[in-house]
Amino acid sequence: MSKLVSIRGAVTASDNKQSITNAAVRLADRLYFKNGITDNDVVSVYFTVTPDLTAYSAARAVRESGHNVPFMSGVEPVVDGGLKGCIRMMITAYSDNPARHVYLNGARALRGDIAGNYAIALDGPSGAGKSTVAKLVADALKITYLDTGALYRALGLKCLNEKVDTTNAQAVENCLKDAKVDIEYVNGAQRVMLDGDDVSGKIRTPEVSMAASVTSAMPYVRAKLLGIQREIATNSSVILDGRDIGTVVLPNAEFKFFLTASAEVRAKRRFDELTAKGQSVVYDDVYNDVVQRDKNDSTRAVAPLKQAFDAELVDSDDMTAEQVAAFIVARVSGDVQ
């Protein structure tokens, strides 16, 4: 028989309606998800907010997101040196499991002993610099970086090596049915393994990029890699970059960012990257490839490229990778609200 448990959580926000809404809804969703509960299990929910959050009601925001349970709310007393911009939530519910508490953003500092592992979802179009930024963030925060695009590229390479028509879903499935793709770390460096071979240096060509873009839209390919990504994210604090990390792969990630830039800027970055590696490429070809990949990624039927509702938009047209990484690190660390 289920027992009554008290589940606690907290998150920080800025004093505006959108920030309070996003923070409160994300906290509620994460608490429900991590504890495996629904509204049917909940007896009551009690919110408190610090006095500096006056722009909107956290309880109202969660109510308007679709939850239909008894809500109560109150304002915390002013405490010298206390955490500012804080929303706290306590759920009383019936559950078969012990309570799993959740502390997000700057509120992680309140309970470092139980905050546990966290995930950062970094989405965005091709050439936005996601991989570079993700590596910098992982290094700064001392967490694991998982290059999800590399996994899809490895499968795209497999199809090219086997001379498979990448637009034929059944042919792709037949080709990849026994394919083994994994991530290994050698002396701290990530290696992409395909059928036991290190293909890290073979998956960054325009041909492989296009093959990955086409095949990644296929349900079989996405299902094959989904479990691998989620398992890694469950076992350690990670940052994952891709097209649908925040919307499909890790919809309950504690931190979500959507990194973008104009097609012209992204093409120039990719062109410089490829020429620096000694590859002979034409800028117009790279630009057309970027535009075509944008079209493929945003219009595919399965898990199209789009910004998660609770992801923060970062336009990097006028930012270096180091500046973007510093911004994300500040957000995760709670230094910026």
Protein backbone atom coordinates (compact mmCIF):
# COMPACT_ATOMS: atom_id res chain seq x y z
CA MET A 1 0.00 0.00 0.00
CA SER A 2 1.32 3.46 -0.90
CA LYS A 3 2.46 5.67 1.94
CA LEU A 4 2.15 9.42 2.35
CA VAL A 5 5.40 11.25 1.58
CA SER A 6 6.50 14.88 1.58
CA ILE A 7 8.52 15.84 -1.49
CA ARG A 8 10.46 19.09 -1.46
CA GLY A 9 12.05 21.21 -4.13
CA ALA A 10 13.30 24.70 -4.90
CA VAL A 11 14.35 26.78 -7.90
CA THR A 12 15.53 30.33 -8.48
CA ALA A 13 13.99 32.82 -10.92
CA SER A 14 14.07 36.46 -11.96
CA ASP A 15 11.23 38.79 -11.00
CA ASN A 16 9.25 38.68 -14.23
CA LYS A 17 6.26 36.62 -15.30
CA GLN A 18 8.06 34.48 -17.88
CA SER A 19 10.97 33.58 -15.62
CA ILE A 20 8.73 32.73 -12.67
CA THR A 21 6.40 30.68 -14.90
CA ASN A 22 9.23 28.74 -16.55
CA ALA A 23 10.97 28.05 -13.23
CA ALA A 24 7.84 26.97 -11.34
CA VAL A 25 6.55 24.71 -14.12
CA ARG A 26 9.96 23.13 -14.64
CA LEU A 27 10.31 22.45 -10.90
CA ALA A 28 6.85 20.88 -10.73
CA ASP A 29 7.47 18.74 -13.81
CA ARG A 30 10.83 17.57 -12.48
CA LEU A 31 9.40 16.68 -9.06
CA TYR A 32 6.56 14.71 -10.64
CA PHE A 33 8.89 12.95 -13.07
CA LYS A 34 11.61 12.08 -10.58
CA ASN A 35 9.07 10.72 -8.07
CA GLY A 36 6.89 8.91 -10.62
CA ILE A 37 3.70 10.63 -9.47
CA THR A 38 0.68 12.19 -11.18
CA ASP A 39 -2.02 14.56 -10.00
CA ASN A 40 -4.03 11.51 -8.94
CA ASP A 41 -1.39 10.75 -6.27
CA VAL A 42 -1.16 14.29 -4.91
CA VAL A 43 -2.93 15.42 -1.74
CA SER A 44 -1.74 19.02 -1.76
CA VAL A 45 0.98 21.35 -3.02
CA TYR A 46 2.35 24.24 -0.98
CA PHE A 47 4.41 27.02 -2.55
CA THR A 48 6.46 29.69 -0.82
CA VAL A 49 8.40 32.46 -2.56
CA THR A 50 10.91 35.01 -1.33
CA PRO A 51 9.55 38.57 -1.03
CA ASP A 52 11.45 39.79 -4.09
CA LEU A 53 9.33 37.67 -6.47
CA THR A 54 6.21 39.77 -7.01
CA ALA A 55 5.69 39.75 -10.78
CA TYR A 56 3.59 36.57 -10.88
CA SER A 57 2.29 33.72 -8.75
CA ALA A 58 4.27 30.49 -8.96
CA ALA A 59 1.21 28.51 -7.84
CA ARG A 60 -0.91 30.12 -10.55
CA ALA A 61 1.71 29.35 -13.18
CA VAL A 62 1.70 25.64 -12.29
CA ARG A 63 -2.10 25.61 -12.17
CA GLU A 64 -2.28 27.15 -15.63
CA SER A 65 0.16 24.55 -16.95
CA GLY A 66 -2.54 21.92 -16.44
CA HIS A 67 -2.18 20.58 -12.89
CA ASN A 68 -5.48 20.17 -11.05
CA VAL A 69 -4.67 19.64 -7.36
CA PRO A 70 -5.15 21.71 -4.17
CA PHE A 71 -2.62 24.56 -4.18
CA MET A 72 -1.59 26.79 -1.28
CA SER A 73 0.98 29.57 -1.36
CA GLY A 74 2.71 32.01 0.91
CA VAL A 75 5.55 34.53 1.12
CA GLU A 76 8.67 33.75 3.12
CA PRO A 77 9.95 36.18 5.75
CA VAL A 78 12.98 38.28 4.92
CA VAL A 79 16.17 36.57 6.11
CA ASP A 80 19.52 38.36 6.09
CA GLY A 81 21.87 36.57 3.73
CA GLY A 82 19.10 34.28 2.49
CA LEU A 83 18.82 33.06 -1.11
CA LYS A 84 16.99 35.59 -3.28
CA GLY A 85 14.55 34.90 -6.11
CA CYS A 86 13.65 31.50 -4.66
CA ILE A 87 10.52 29.42 -5.24
CA ARG A 88 10.02 26.48 -2.88
CA MET A 89 7.53 23.69 -3.43
CA MET A 90 6.38 20.92 -1.11
CA ILE A 91 4.19 18.13 -2.47
CA THR A 92 2.30 15.79 -0.16
CA ALA A 93 1.48 12.66 -2.12
CA TYR A 94 0.97 8.91 -1.95
CA SER A 95 3.90 6.98 -3.35
CA ASP A 96 5.50 3.54 -3.21
CA ASN A 97 8.96 5.12 -3.38
CA PRO A 98 11.00 7.24 -0.98
CA ALA A 99 10.77 10.97 -1.65
CA ARG A 100 13.24 12.30 -4.21
CA HIS A 101 13.82 16.00 -3.70
CA VAL A 102 14.81 18.41 -6.49
CA TYR A 103 16.85 21.62 -6.30
CA LEU A 104 17.42 23.56 -9.51
CA ASN A 105 19.45 26.58 -10.65
CA GLY A 106 20.83 28.63 -7.77
CA ALA A 107 18.70 26.66 -5.30
CA ARG A 108 21.11 23.74 -5.67
CA ALA A 109 23.26 25.58 -3.13
CA LEU A 110 20.58 24.98 -0.50
CA ARG A 111 20.96 21.21 -0.52
CA GLY A 112 24.21 20.22 -2.16
CA ASP A 113 24.02 16.96 -0.22
CA ILE A 114 20.96 15.76 -2.13
CA ALA A 115 20.97 17.81 -5.33
CA GLY A 116 22.54 14.84 -7.09
CA ASN A 117 23.37 14.53 -10.77
CA TYR A 118 22.02 17.01 -13.25
CA ALA A 119 21.73 17.30 -17.01
CA ILE A 120 22.26 20.21 -19.39
CA ALA A 121 20.46 20.03 -22.74
CA LEU A 122 22.07 22.11 -25.48
CA ASP A 123 20.06 22.20 -28.72
CA GLY A 124 20.41 24.19 -31.89
CA PRO A 125 20.92 24.05 -35.67
CA SER A 126 23.95 22.73 -37.51
CA GLY A 127 27.09 24.83 -37.19
CA ALA A 128 25.93 26.85 -34.17
CA GLY A 129 28.99 25.71 -32.22
CA LYS A 130 27.17 23.38 -29.84
CA SER A 131 29.94 20.80 -29.61
CA THR A 132 32.66 23.36 -28.93
CA VAL A 133 30.55 25.11 -26.30
CA ALA A 134 29.49 21.82 -24.68
CA LYS A 135 33.11 20.72 -24.29
CA LEU A 136 34.05 24.05 -22.69
CA VAL A 137 31.10 23.86 -20.30
CA ALA A 138 31.87 20.25 -19.38
CA ASP A 139 35.48 21.15 -18.65
CA ALA A 140 34.49 24.17 -16.53
CA LEU A 141 31.89 22.28 -14.50
CA LYS A 142 33.87 19.01 -14.38
CA ILE A 143 30.99 16.99 -15.82
CA THR A 144 30.65 14.50 -18.68
CA TYR A 145 30.23 15.71 -22.25
CA LEU A 146 28.28 13.40 -24.55
CA ASP A 147 28.49 14.32 -28.23
CA THR A 148 25.13 12.97 -29.38
CA GLY A 149 25.69 14.17 -32.92
CA ALA A 150 28.74 11.93 -33.13
CA LEU A 151 26.55 8.89 -32.46
CA TYR A 152 24.26 9.77 -35.36
CA ARG A 153 27.23 10.54 -37.58
CA ALA A 154 28.68 7.11 -36.82
CA LEU A 155 25.50 5.44 -38.04
CA GLY A 156 25.48 7.71 -41.08
CA LEU A 157 29.04 6.62 -41.82
CA LYS A 158 27.99 2.98 -41.53
CA CYS A 159 25.34 3.55 -44.20
CA LEU A 160 27.82 5.29 -46.50
CA ASN A 161 30.39 2.54 -46.06
CA GLU A 162 27.75 -0.05 -46.95
CA LYS A 163 26.59 2.08 -49.91
CA VAL A 164 23.04 2.14 -48.55
CA ASP A 165 20.43 4.56 -49.91
CA THR A 166 20.04 6.83 -46.87
CA THR A 167 16.55 7.89 -47.99
CA ASN A 168 15.30 4.29 -47.81
CA ALA A 169 14.19 3.71 -44.23
CA GLN A 170 13.97 -0.06 -44.55
CA ALA A 171 17.40 -0.31 -46.14
CA VAL A 172 18.87 1.86 -43.37
CA GLU A 173 17.24 -0.29 -40.68
CA ASN A 174 18.58 -3.47 -42.27
CA CYS A 175 22.06 -1.95 -42.43
CA LEU A 176 22.09 -0.72 -38.85
CA LYS A 177 20.32 -3.62 -37.16
CA ASP A 178 23.55 -5.16 -35.91
CA ALA A 179 25.62 -1.97 -35.77
CA LYS A 180 27.36 -1.34 -32.47
CA VAL A 181 27.96 2.31 -31.61
CA ASP A 182 29.37 3.52 -28.31
CA ILE A 183 31.36 6.25 -26.60
CA GLU A 184 34.66 5.51 -24.91
CA TYR A 185 36.99 7.81 -23.03
CA VAL A 186 40.73 7.40 -23.60
CA ASN A 187 43.00 9.62 -21.50
CA GLY A 188 40.05 11.95 -20.95
CA ALA A 189 39.25 12.24 -24.66
CA GLN A 190 35.97 11.01 -26.12
CA ARG A 191 36.25 8.35 -28.82
CA VAL A 192 33.38 7.28 -31.07
CA MET A 193 33.39 3.55 -31.65
CA LEU A 194 31.57 1.87 -34.54
CA ASP A 195 31.59 -1.92 -34.58
CA GLY A 196 34.69 -1.85 -32.41
CA ASP A 197 36.62 0.64 -34.55
CA ASP A 198 37.52 4.21 -33.60
CA VAL A 199 35.84 6.41 -36.22
CA SER A 200 36.29 9.73 -34.43
CA GLY A 201 38.32 11.14 -37.31
CA LYS A 202 36.03 9.85 -40.07
CA ILE A 203 32.67 11.32 -39.09
CA ARG A 204 33.27 15.06 -39.64
CA THR A 205 32.99 15.29 -43.43
CA PRO A 206 30.09 17.04 -45.25
CA GLU A 207 29.01 13.70 -46.73
CA VAL A 208 28.71 12.08 -43.33
CA SER A 209 26.96 15.19 -41.96
CA MET A 210 24.30 14.95 -44.65
CA ALA A 211 23.87 11.21 -44.19
CA ALA A 212 23.44 11.74 -40.44
CA SER A 213 20.89 14.50 -41.01
CA VAL A 214 18.80 12.29 -43.30
CA THR A 215 18.96 9.07 -41.29
CA SER A 216 18.48 10.76 -37.90
CA ALA A 217 14.92 11.61 -38.97
CA MET A 218 14.06 7.92 -39.11
CA PRO A 219 12.24 6.48 -36.05
CA TYR A 220 14.38 3.34 -35.97
CA VAL A 221 17.63 5.29 -35.84
CA ARG A 222 16.41 7.59 -33.07
CA ALA A 223 15.07 4.71 -30.99
CA LYS A 224 18.35 2.83 -31.33
CA LEU A 225 20.32 5.67 -29.76
CA LEU A 226 17.77 7.07 -27.31
CA GLY A 227 18.42 4.45 -24.64
CA ILE A 228 22.18 4.94 -24.79
CA GLN A 229 21.89 8.68 -24.24
CA ARG A 230 19.41 8.42 -21.36
CA GLU A 231 21.44 5.76 -19.56
CA ILE A 232 24.56 7.92 -19.58
CA ALA A 233 22.57 10.96 -18.37
CA THR A 234 21.10 8.96 -15.49
CA ASN A 235 24.42 7.80 -14.14
CA SER A 236 26.34 11.09 -14.07
CA SER A 237 26.07 14.85 -14.45
CA VAL A 238 26.24 15.51 -18.17
CA ILE A 239 25.87 18.01 -20.96
CA LEU A 240 24.37 16.72 -24.19
CA ASP A 241 24.14 18.64 -27.44
CA GLY A 242 21.96 17.91 -30.44
CA ARG A 243 18.67 18.81 -32.12
CA ASP A 244 16.07 17.36 -29.72
CA ILE A 245 17.82 16.89 -26.39
CA GLY A 246 15.53 19.23 -24.46
CA THR A 247 12.35 18.20 -26.26
CA VAL A 248 12.72 14.41 -26.64
CA VAL A 249 15.90 12.86 -25.26
CA LEU A 250 15.95 14.61 -21.86
CA PRO A 251 12.70 16.60 -21.57
CA ASN A 252 13.22 16.88 -17.80
CA ALA A 253 16.80 18.15 -17.95
CA GLU A 254 17.46 20.65 -15.20
CA PHE A 255 19.04 23.14 -17.60
CA LYS A 256 18.10 23.78 -21.24
CA PHE A 257 19.63 26.10 -23.82
CA PHE A 258 18.94 26.67 -27.52
CA LEU A 259 22.09 27.92 -29.26
CA THR A 260 21.68 29.50 -32.66
CA ALA A 261 23.31 31.86 -35.18
CA SER A 262 22.53 33.05 -38.71
CA ALA A 263 23.10 30.59 -41.58
CA GLU A 264 25.86 32.81 -42.95
CA VAL A 265 27.77 32.87 -39.68
CA ARG A 266 27.35 29.13 -39.17
CA ALA A 267 28.54 28.36 -42.69
CA LYS A 268 31.62 30.54 -42.25
CA ARG A 269 32.47 28.76 -38.99
CA ARG A 270 32.08 25.33 -40.57
CA PHE A 271 34.12 26.41 -43.61
CA ASP A 272 36.96 27.64 -41.39
CA GLU A 273 36.84 24.44 -39.34
CA LEU A 274 37.09 22.18 -42.38
CA THR A 275 39.83 24.17 -44.12
CA ALA A 276 41.84 24.24 -40.88
CA LYS A 277 41.77 20.44 -41.02
CA GLY A 278 43.20 20.54 -44.54
CA GLN A 279 39.97 19.67 -46.34
CA SER A 280 39.34 21.30 -49.72
CA VAL A 281 35.85 22.83 -49.57
CA VAL A 282 33.94 25.66 -51.25
CA TYR A 283 32.11 28.17 -49.03
CA ASP A 284 28.96 28.13 -51.19
CA ASP A 285 28.79 24.35 -50.88
CA VAL A 286 29.12 24.56 -47.11
CA TYR A 287 26.47 27.29 -46.93
CA ASN A 288 24.04 25.26 -49.05
CA ASP A 289 24.71 22.23 -46.86
CA VAL A 290 23.87 24.26 -43.74
CA VAL A 291 20.62 25.55 -45.28
CA GLN A 292 19.62 22.06 -46.44
CA ARG A 293 20.36 20.56 -43.02
CA ASP A 294 18.27 23.26 -41.37
CA LYS A 295 15.38 22.33 -43.63
CA ASN A 296 15.83 18.61 -43.01
CA ASP A 297 16.13 19.00 -39.25
CA SER A 298 13.21 21.40 -38.77
CA THR A 299 10.69 19.68 -41.04
CA ARG A 300 11.28 16.01 -40.25
CA ALA A 301 8.25 14.16 -38.88
CA VAL A 302 10.10 12.63 -35.92
CA ALA A 303 11.60 14.90 -33.24
CA PRO A 304 12.11 17.99 -35.43
CA LEU A 305 14.57 20.70 -34.44
CA LYS A 306 12.81 23.24 -32.24
CA GLN A 307 13.38 25.22 -29.11
CA ALA A 308 11.96 23.60 -25.97
CA PHE A 309 9.42 25.84 -24.25
CA ASP A 310 11.65 26.08 -21.17
CA ALA A 311 14.98 26.45 -22.99
CA GLU A 312 16.85 29.73 -22.94
CA LEU A 313 17.68 31.16 -26.37
CA VAL A 314 21.33 32.08 -26.93
CA ASP A 315 22.12 33.92 -30.21
CA SER A 316 25.85 33.54 -30.81
CA ASP A 317 26.23 35.72 -33.92
CA ASP A 318 28.31 38.19 -31.91
CA MET A 319 29.61 35.84 -29.24
CA THR A 320 32.66 33.61 -29.13
CA ALA A 321 32.37 30.02 -28.00
CA GLU A 322 34.12 30.99 -24.78
CA GLN A 323 31.56 33.74 -24.10
CA VAL A 324 28.63 31.38 -24.71
CA ALA A 325 30.18 28.74 -22.45
CA ALA A 326 30.76 31.31 -19.69
CA PHE A 327 27.13 32.40 -19.94
CA ILE A 328 25.87 28.82 -19.59
CA VAL A 329 28.23 28.06 -16.71
CA ALA A 330 26.96 31.17 -14.90
CA ARG A 331 23.36 30.08 -15.39
CA VAL A 332 24.02 26.56 -14.14
CA SER A 333 26.04 27.79 -11.20
CA GLY A 334 23.31 30.24 -10.23
CA ASP A 335 25.53 33.30 -10.63
CA VAL A 336 23.09 34.85 -13.12
CA GLN A 337 19.31 34.86 -12.65
